[in-house]
Amino acid sequence: MITSIDFQNLTEDLKCYVLLNNGKHIAERNYGIYNIQLYCVYGFYVEVFYLPGSDEIDQILSVNSDEVLELYLDSIDITDIYM
């Protein structure tokens, strides 16, 4: 297992590998020109910034702020909890 600091120090290719093999997609949002995907991996959160027209990843960042996570609250479906 790795920490968010360890993750941030990985190469972009290794970050993608870790997310694809160990990450769980949580939510998404749009900001400016980006489609941003939120993942949970090893107990921390990661944002993946996509450029929609090109299908390219611009950056992958670990998230250490509750303020950033609050941006996703409206897009997280919790209906399964109440059923």
PDB file of N, CA and C in Angstrom:
ATOM      1  N   MET A   1       0.839  -1.182   0.000  1.00  0.00           N
ATOM      2  CA  MET A   1       0.000   0.000   0.000  1.00  0.00           C
ATOM      3  C   MET A   1       0.883   1.244   0.000  1.00  0.00           C
ATOM      4  N   ILE A   2       0.377   2.320  -0.601  1.00  0.00           N
ATOM      5  CA  ILE A   2       1.140   3.556  -0.668  1.00  0.00           C
ATOM      6  C   ILE A   2       0.330   4.711  -0.084  1.00  0.00           C
ATOM      7  N   THR A   3       1.015   5.762   0.283  1.00  0.00           N
ATOM      8  CA  THR A   3       0.352   6.954   0.812  1.00  0.00           C
ATOM      9  C   THR A   3       0.072   7.929  -0.337  1.00  0.00           C
ATOM     10  N   SER A   4      -0.691   8.976  -0.033  1.00  0.00           N
ATOM     11  CA  SER A   4      -0.966   9.981  -1.067  1.00  0.00           C
ATOM     12  C   SER A   4       0.317  10.689  -1.498  1.00  0.00           C
ATOM     13  N   ILE A   5       1.257  10.869  -0.591  1.00  0.00           N
ATOM     14  CA  ILE A   5       2.538  11.496  -0.950  1.00  0.00           C
ATOM     15  C   ILE A   5       3.340  10.575  -1.860  1.00  0.00           C
ATOM     16  N   ASP A   6       3.381   9.277  -1.523  1.00  0.00           N
ATOM     17  CA  ASP A   6       4.056   8.307  -2.396  1.00  0.00           C
ATOM     18  C   ASP A   6       3.429   8.321  -3.792  1.00  0.00           C
ATOM     19  N   PHE A   7       2.096   8.331  -3.818  1.00  0.00           N
ATOM     20  CA  PHE A   7       1.376   8.330  -5.089  1.00  0.00           C
ATOM     21  C   PHE A   7       1.741   9.557  -5.917  1.00  0.00           C
ATOM     22  N   GLN A   8       1.770  10.715  -5.298  1.00  0.00           N
ATOM     23  CA  GLN A   8       2.050  11.953  -6.015  1.00  0.00           C
ATOM     24  C   GLN A   8       3.452  11.950  -6.618  1.00  0.00           C
ATOM     25  N   ASN A   9       4.362  11.187  -6.026  1.00  0.00           N
ATOM     26  CA  ASN A   9       5.734  11.125  -6.524  1.00  0.00           C
ATOM     27  C   ASN A   9       5.938  10.097  -7.637  1.00  0.00           C
ATOM     28  N   LEU A  10       4.899   9.320  -7.961  1.00  0.00           N
ATOM     29  CA  LEU A  10       4.997   8.341  -9.039  1.00  0.00           C
ATOM     30  C   LEU A  10       4.976   9.043 -10.398  1.00  0.00           C
ATOM     31  N   THR A  11       5.435   8.352 -11.420  1.00  0.00           N
ATOM     32  CA  THR A  11       5.309   8.866 -12.785  1.00  0.00           C
ATOM     33  C   THR A  11       3.836   8.815 -13.188  1.00  0.00           C
ATOM     34  N   GLU A  12       3.465   9.566 -14.214  1.00  0.00           N
ATOM     35  CA  GLU A  12       2.080   9.565 -14.687  1.00  0.00           C
ATOM     36  C   GLU A  12       1.642   8.160 -15.098  1.00  0.00           C
ATOM     37  N   ASP A  13       2.519   7.405 -15.751  1.00  0.00           N
ATOM     38  CA  ASP A  13       2.184   6.040 -16.165  1.00  0.00           C
ATOM     39  C   ASP A  13       1.890   5.145 -14.967  1.00  0.00           C
ATOM     40  N   LEU A  14       2.706   5.255 -13.918  1.00  0.00           N
ATOM     41  CA  LEU A  14       2.475   4.438 -12.726  1.00  0.00           C
ATOM     42  C   LEU A  14       1.205   4.863 -11.985  1.00  0.00           C
ATOM     43  N   LYS A  15       0.925   6.164 -11.967  1.00  0.00           N
ATOM     44  CA  LYS A  15      -0.325   6.637 -11.359  1.00  0.00           C
ATOM     45  C   LYS A  15      -1.518   6.013 -12.068  1.00  0.00           C
ATOM     46  N   CYS A  16      -1.494   6.010 -13.394  1.00  0.00           N
ATOM     47  CA  CYS A  16      -2.576   5.396 -14.175  1.00  0.00           C
ATOM     48  C   CYS A  16      -2.703   3.911 -13.860  1.00  0.00           C
ATOM     49  N   TYR A  17      -1.579   3.226 -13.781  1.00  0.00           N
ATOM     50  CA  TYR A  17      -1.584   1.790 -13.473  1.00  0.00           C
ATOM     51  C   TYR A  17      -2.215   1.531 -12.109  1.00  0.00           C
ATOM     52  N   VAL A  18      -1.812   2.300 -11.108  1.00  0.00           N
ATOM     53  CA  VAL A  18      -2.361   2.135  -9.758  1.00  0.00           C
ATOM     54  C   VAL A  18      -3.863   2.377  -9.753  1.00  0.00           C
ATOM     55  N   LEU A  19      -4.316   3.441 -10.415  1.00  0.00           N
ATOM     56  CA  LEU A  19      -5.744   3.753 -10.447  1.00  0.00           C
ATOM     57  C   LEU A  19      -6.542   2.678 -11.172  1.00  0.00           C
ATOM     58  N   LEU A  20      -6.035   2.206 -12.308  1.00  0.00           N
ATOM     59  CA  LEU A  20      -6.761   1.188 -13.070  1.00  0.00           C
ATOM     60  C   LEU A  20      -6.859  -0.133 -12.318  1.00  0.00           C
ATOM     61  N   ASN A  21      -5.841  -0.474 -11.563  1.00  0.00           N
ATOM     62  CA  ASN A  21      -5.808  -1.768 -10.891  1.00  0.00           C
ATOM     63  C   ASN A  21      -6.310  -1.744  -9.453  1.00  0.00           C
ATOM     64  N   ASN A  22      -6.293  -0.574  -8.811  1.00  0.00           N
ATOM     65  CA  ASN A  22      -6.650  -0.521  -7.393  1.00  0.00           C
ATOM     66  C   ASN A  22      -7.643   0.578  -7.041  1.00  0.00           C
ATOM     67  N   GLY A  23      -7.930   1.460  -7.971  1.00  0.00           N
ATOM     68  CA  GLY A  23      -8.803   2.587  -7.683  1.00  0.00           C
ATOM     69  C   GLY A  23     -10.267   2.276  -7.902  1.00  0.00           C
ATOM     70  N   LYS A  24     -11.107   3.021  -7.214  1.00  0.00           N
ATOM     71  CA  LYS A  24     -12.560   2.921  -7.386  1.00  0.00           C
ATOM     72  C   LYS A  24     -13.072   4.296  -7.787  1.00  0.00           C
ATOM     73  N   HIS A  25     -13.773   4.330  -8.920  1.00  0.00           N
ATOM     74  CA  HIS A  25     -14.337   5.591  -9.394  1.00  0.00           C
ATOM     75  C   HIS A  25     -15.458   6.009  -8.455  1.00  0.00           C
ATOM     76  N   ILE A  26     -15.427   7.261  -8.004  1.00  0.00           N
ATOM     77  CA  ILE A  26     -16.406   7.768  -7.048  1.00  0.00           C
ATOM     78  C   ILE A  26     -17.373   8.749  -7.694  1.00  0.00           C
ATOM     79  N   ALA A  27     -16.859   9.717  -8.421  1.00  0.00           N
ATOM     80  CA  ALA A  27     -17.716  10.776  -8.971  1.00  0.00           C
ATOM     81  C   ALA A  27     -16.965  11.508 -10.064  1.00  0.00           C
ATOM     82  N   GLU A  28     -17.676  12.444 -10.703  1.00  0.00           N
ATOM     83  CA  GLU A  28     -17.043  13.293 -11.703  1.00  0.00           C
ATOM     84  C   GLU A  28     -17.668  14.673 -11.668  1.00  0.00           C
ATOM     85  N   ARG A  29     -16.927  15.623 -12.220  1.00  0.00           N
ATOM     86  CA  ARG A  29     -17.404  17.003 -12.319  1.00  0.00           C
ATOM     87  C   ARG A  29     -16.714  17.662 -13.500  1.00  0.00           C
ATOM     88  N   ASN A  30     -17.278  18.759 -13.933  1.00  0.00           N
ATOM     89  CA  ASN A  30     -16.673  19.544 -15.002  1.00  0.00           C
ATOM     90  C   ASN A  30     -16.199  20.861 -14.423  1.00  0.00           C
ATOM     91  N   TYR A  31     -15.042  21.282 -14.876  1.00  0.00           N
ATOM     92  CA  TYR A  31     -14.479  22.558 -14.442  1.00  0.00           C
ATOM     93  C   TYR A  31     -13.698  23.147 -15.605  1.00  0.00           C
ATOM     94  N   GLY A  32     -14.155  24.276 -16.106  1.00  0.00           N
ATOM     95  CA  GLY A  32     -13.489  24.892 -17.252  1.00  0.00           C
ATOM     96  C   GLY A  32     -13.460  23.931 -18.415  1.00  0.00           C
ATOM     97  N   ILE A  33     -12.285  23.697 -18.962  1.00  0.00           N
ATOM     98  CA  ILE A  33     -12.142  22.799 -20.110  1.00  0.00           C
ATOM     99  C   ILE A  33     -11.994  21.328 -19.692  1.00  0.00           C
ATOM    100  N   TYR A  34     -11.999  21.050 -18.397  1.00  0.00           N
ATOM    101  CA  TYR A  34     -11.710  19.705 -17.901  1.00  0.00           C
ATOM    102  C   TYR A  34     -12.960  18.927 -17.506  1.00  0.00           C
ATOM    103  N   ASN A  35     -12.887  17.627 -17.710  1.00  0.00           N
ATOM    104  CA  ASN A  35     -13.778  16.671 -17.082  1.00  0.00           C
ATOM    105  C   ASN A  35     -12.908  16.014 -16.019  1.00  0.00           C
ATOM    106  N   ILE A  36     -13.290  16.162 -14.746  1.00  0.00           N
ATOM    107  CA  ILE A  36     -12.449  15.681 -13.648  1.00  0.00           C
ATOM    108  C   ILE A  36     -13.112  14.475 -12.998  1.00  0.00           C
ATOM    109  N   GLN A  37     -12.384  13.385 -12.931  1.00  0.00           N
ATOM    110  CA  GLN A  37     -12.863  12.139 -12.341  1.00  0.00           C
ATOM    111  C   GLN A  37     -12.236  11.980 -10.958  1.00  0.00           C
ATOM    112  N   LEU A  38     -13.061  11.599  -9.987  1.00  0.00           N
ATOM    113  CA  LEU A  38     -12.582  11.376  -8.620  1.00  0.00           C
ATOM    114  C   LEU A  38     -12.509   9.876  -8.348  1.00  0.00           C
ATOM    115  N   TYR A  39     -11.376   9.437  -7.852  1.00  0.00           N
ATOM    116  CA  TYR A  39     -11.145   8.036  -7.508  1.00  0.00           C
ATOM    117  C   TYR A  39     -10.726   7.927  -6.047  1.00  0.00           C
ATOM    118  N   CYS A  40     -11.024   6.790  -5.464  1.00  0.00           N
ATOM    119  CA  CYS A  40     -10.519   6.443  -4.137  1.00  0.00           C
ATOM    120  C   CYS A  40      -9.537   5.290  -4.332  1.00  0.00           C
ATOM    121  N   VAL A  41      -8.366   5.420  -3.750  1.00  0.00           N
ATOM    122  CA  VAL A  41      -7.350   4.378  -3.844  1.00  0.00           C
ATOM    123  C   VAL A  41      -6.547   4.374  -2.551  1.00  0.00           C
ATOM    124  N   TYR A  42      -6.427   3.218  -1.943  1.00  0.00           N
ATOM    125  CA  TYR A  42      -5.645   3.059  -0.708  1.00  0.00           C
ATOM    126  C   TYR A  42      -6.021   4.042   0.396  1.00  0.00           C
ATOM    127  N   GLY A  43      -7.296   4.437   0.459  1.00  0.00           N
ATOM    128  CA  GLY A  43      -7.756   5.296   1.545  1.00  0.00           C
ATOM    129  C   GLY A  43      -7.576   6.785   1.323  1.00  0.00           C
ATOM    130  N   PHE A  44      -7.147   7.191   0.146  1.00  0.00           N
ATOM    131  CA  PHE A  44      -7.084   8.609  -0.172  1.00  0.00           C
ATOM    132  C   PHE A  44      -7.748   8.825  -1.533  1.00  0.00           C
ATOM    133  N   TYR A  45      -7.946  10.080  -1.895  1.00  0.00           N
ATOM    134  CA  TYR A  45      -8.660  10.424  -3.123  1.00  0.00           C
ATOM    135  C   TYR A  45      -7.714  11.018  -4.150  1.00  0.00           C
ATOM    136  N   VAL A  46      -8.063  10.781  -5.410  1.00  0.00           N
ATOM    137  CA  VAL A  46      -7.248  11.250  -6.533  1.00  0.00           C
ATOM    138  C   VAL A  46      -8.175  11.854  -7.577  1.00  0.00           C
ATOM    139  N   GLU A  47      -7.789  13.014  -8.109  1.00  0.00           N
ATOM    140  CA  GLU A  47      -8.508  13.628  -9.209  1.00  0.00           C
ATOM    141  C   GLU A  47      -7.718  13.417 -10.502  1.00  0.00           C
ATOM    142  N   VAL A  48      -8.448  13.008 -11.556  1.00  0.00           N
ATOM    143  CA  VAL A  48      -7.849  12.841 -12.879  1.00  0.00           C
ATOM    144  C   VAL A  48      -8.483  13.882 -13.797  1.00  0.00           C
ATOM    145  N   PHE A  49      -7.664  14.772 -14.338  1.00  0.00           N
ATOM    146  CA  PHE A  49      -8.111  15.865 -15.190  1.00  0.00           C
ATOM    147  C   PHE A  49      -8.010  15.439 -16.658  1.00  0.00           C
ATOM    148  N   TYR A  50      -9.188  15.230 -17.283  1.00  0.00           N
ATOM    149  CA  TYR A  50      -9.243  14.848 -18.692  1.00  0.00           C
ATOM    150  C   TYR A  50      -9.536  16.062 -19.562  1.00  0.00           C
ATOM    151  N   LEU A  51      -8.966  16.060 -20.759  1.00  0.00           N
ATOM    152  CA  LEU A  51      -9.320  17.026 -21.793  1.00  0.00           C
ATOM    153  C   LEU A  51     -10.290  16.303 -22.729  1.00  0.00           C
ATOM    154  N   PRO A  52     -11.601  16.581 -22.617  1.00  0.00           N
ATOM    155  CA  PRO A  52     -12.622  15.792 -23.315  1.00  0.00           C
ATOM    156  C   PRO A  52     -12.444  15.665 -24.826  1.00  0.00           C
ATOM    157  N   GLY A  53     -12.091  16.704 -25.517  1.00  0.00           N
ATOM    158  CA  GLY A  53     -11.978  16.622 -26.965  1.00  0.00           C
ATOM    159  C   GLY A  53     -10.861  15.722 -27.455  1.00  0.00           C
ATOM    160  N   SER A  54      -9.863  15.524 -26.643  1.00  0.00           N
ATOM    161  CA  SER A  54      -8.693  14.753 -27.067  1.00  0.00           C
ATOM    162  C   SER A  54      -8.560  13.416 -26.357  1.00  0.00           C
ATOM    163  N   ASP A  55      -9.382  13.157 -25.347  1.00  0.00           N
ATOM    164  CA  ASP A  55      -9.279  11.930 -24.542  1.00  0.00           C
ATOM    165  C   ASP A  55      -7.911  11.780 -23.891  1.00  0.00           C
ATOM    166  N   GLU A  56      -7.265  12.894 -23.592  1.00  0.00           N
ATOM    167  CA  GLU A  56      -5.961  12.873 -22.945  1.00  0.00           C
ATOM    168  C   GLU A  56      -6.089  13.265 -21.482  1.00  0.00           C
ATOM    169  N   ILE A  57      -5.222  12.681 -20.670  1.00  0.00           N
ATOM    170  CA  ILE A  57      -5.132  13.059 -19.260  1.00  0.00           C
ATOM    171  C   ILE A  57      -4.129  14.201 -19.159  1.00  0.00           C
ATOM    172  N   ASP A  58      -4.569  15.306 -18.555  1.00  0.00           N
ATOM    173  CA  ASP A  58      -3.686  16.454 -18.393  1.00  0.00           C
ATOM    174  C   ASP A  58      -2.884  16.351 -17.102  1.00  0.00           C
ATOM    175  N   GLN A  59      -3.550  15.914 -16.015  1.00  0.00           N
ATOM    176  CA  GLN A  59      -2.841  15.754 -14.746  1.00  0.00           C
ATOM    177  C   GLN A  59      -3.598  14.809 -13.820  1.00  0.00           C
ATOM    178  N   ILE A  60      -2.855  14.243 -12.889  1.00  0.00           N
ATOM    179  CA  ILE A  60      -3.406  13.342 -11.874  1.00  0.00           C
ATOM    180  C   ILE A  60      -2.884  13.825 -10.531  1.00  0.00           C
ATOM    181  N   LEU A  61      -3.806  14.203  -9.639  1.00  0.00           N
ATOM    182  CA  LEU A  61      -3.413  14.802  -8.362  1.00  0.00           C
ATOM    183  C   LEU A  61      -4.104  14.114  -7.192  1.00  0.00           C
ATOM    184  N   SER A  62      -3.355  13.835  -6.140  1.00  0.00           N
ATOM    185  CA  SER A  62      -3.989  13.356  -4.916  1.00  0.00           C
ATOM    186  C   SER A  62      -4.668  14.539  -4.232  1.00  0.00           C
ATOM    187  N   VAL A  63      -5.805  14.268  -3.587  1.00  0.00           N
ATOM    188  CA  VAL A  63      -6.626  15.310  -2.981  1.00  0.00           C
ATOM    189  C   VAL A  63      -6.480  15.245  -1.470  1.00  0.00           C
ATOM    190  N   ASN A  64      -6.095  16.360  -0.877  1.00  0.00           N
ATOM    191  CA  ASN A  64      -5.908  16.405   0.571  1.00  0.00           C
ATOM    192  C   ASN A  64      -6.804  17.434   1.235  1.00  0.00           C
ATOM    193  N   SER A  65      -7.829  17.887   0.535  1.00  0.00           N
ATOM    194  CA  SER A  65      -8.659  18.957   1.057  1.00  0.00           C
ATOM    195  C   SER A  65     -10.132  18.576   1.038  1.00  0.00           C
ATOM    196  N   ASP A  66     -10.803  18.778   2.162  1.00  0.00           N
ATOM    197  CA  ASP A  66     -12.245  18.543   2.222  1.00  0.00           C
ATOM    198  C   ASP A  66     -12.991  19.494   1.300  1.00  0.00           C
ATOM    199  N   GLU A  67     -12.432  20.676   1.079  1.00  0.00           N
ATOM    200  CA  GLU A  67     -13.081  21.649   0.192  1.00  0.00           C
ATOM    201  C   GLU A  67     -13.199  21.098  -1.230  1.00  0.00           C
ATOM    202  N   VAL A  68     -12.184  20.388  -1.695  1.00  0.00           N
ATOM    203  CA  VAL A  68     -12.234  19.792  -3.025  1.00  0.00           C
ATOM    204  C   VAL A  68     -13.282  18.681  -3.047  1.00  0.00           C
ATOM    205  N   LEU A  69     -13.307  17.855  -2.027  1.00  0.00           N
ATOM    206  CA  LEU A  69     -14.275  16.759  -1.984  1.00  0.00           C
ATOM    207  C   LEU A  69     -15.710  17.276  -1.963  1.00  0.00           C
ATOM    208  N   GLU A  70     -15.943  18.423  -1.335  1.00  0.00           N
ATOM    209  CA  GLU A  70     -17.286  19.000  -1.286  1.00  0.00           C
ATOM    210  C   GLU A  70     -17.809  19.347  -2.677  1.00  0.00           C
ATOM    211  N   LEU A  71     -16.930  19.583  -3.623  1.00  0.00           N
ATOM    212  CA  LEU A  71     -17.341  19.891  -4.991  1.00  0.00           C
ATOM    213  C   LEU A  71     -18.071  18.724  -5.652  1.00  0.00           C
ATOM    214  N   TYR A  72     -17.904  17.530  -5.111  1.00  0.00           N
ATOM    215  CA  TYR A  72     -18.498  16.323  -5.690  1.00  0.00           C
ATOM    216  C   TYR A  72     -19.793  15.894  -5.002  1.00  0.00           C
ATOM    217  N   LEU A  73     -20.167  16.521  -3.916  1.00  0.00           N
ATOM    218  CA  LEU A  73     -21.302  16.052  -3.126  1.00  0.00           C
ATOM    219  C   LEU A  73     -22.580  15.906  -3.928  1.00  0.00           C
ATOM    220  N   ASP A  74     -22.867  16.817  -4.820  1.00  0.00           N
ATOM    221  CA  ASP A  74     -24.102  16.747  -5.597  1.00  0.00           C
ATOM    222  C   ASP A  74     -24.106  15.618  -6.619  1.00  0.00           C
ATOM    223  N   SER A  75     -22.946  15.108  -6.991  1.00  0.00           N
ATOM    224  CA  SER A  75     -22.889  14.086  -8.027  1.00  0.00           C
ATOM    225  C   SER A  75     -22.750  12.664  -7.490  1.00  0.00           C
ATOM    226  N   ILE A  76     -22.701  12.494  -6.169  1.00  0.00           N
ATOM    227  CA  ILE A  76     -22.558  11.151  -5.593  1.00  0.00           C
ATOM    228  C   ILE A  76     -23.943  10.584  -5.306  1.00  0.00           C
ATOM    229  N   ASP A  77     -24.226   9.433  -5.883  1.00  0.00           N
ATOM    230  CA  ASP A  77     -25.514   8.770  -5.737  1.00  0.00           C
ATOM    231  C   ASP A  77     -25.491   7.888  -4.484  1.00  0.00           C
ATOM    232  N   ILE A  78     -26.360   8.226  -3.530  1.00  0.00           N
ATOM    233  CA  ILE A  78     -26.428   7.446  -2.279  1.00  0.00           C
ATOM    234  C   ILE A  78     -27.775   6.752  -2.126  1.00  0.00           C
ATOM    235  N   THR A  79     -28.526   6.599  -3.220  1.00  0.00           N
ATOM    236  CA  THR A  79     -29.854   5.993  -3.114  1.00  0.00           C
ATOM    237  C   THR A  79     -29.789   4.548  -2.629  1.00  0.00           C
ATOM    238  N   ASP A  80     -28.709   3.832  -2.925  1.00  0.00           N
ATOM    239  CA  ASP A  80     -28.574   2.445  -2.465  1.00  0.00           C
ATOM    240  C   ASP A  80     -28.567   2.349  -0.938  1.00  0.00           C
ATOM    241  N   ILE A  81     -28.133   3.377  -0.275  1.00  0.00           N
ATOM    242  CA  ILE A  81     -28.073   3.373   1.196  1.00  0.00           C
ATOM    243  C   ILE A  81     -29.475   3.310   1.800  1.00  0.00           C
ATOM    244  N   TYR A  82     -30.425   3.916   1.122  1.00  0.00           N
ATOM    245  CA  TYR A  82     -31.774   4.035   1.668  1.00  0.00           C
ATOM    246  C   TYR A  82     -32.714   2.939   1.191  1.00  0.00           C
ATOM    247  N   MET A  83     -32.253   1.991   0.423  1.00  0.00           N
ATOM    248  CA  MET A  83     -33.124   0.942  -0.098  1.00  0.00           C
ATOM    249  C   MET A  83     -32.961  -0.339   0.645  1.00  0.00           C
TER     250      MET A  83
END
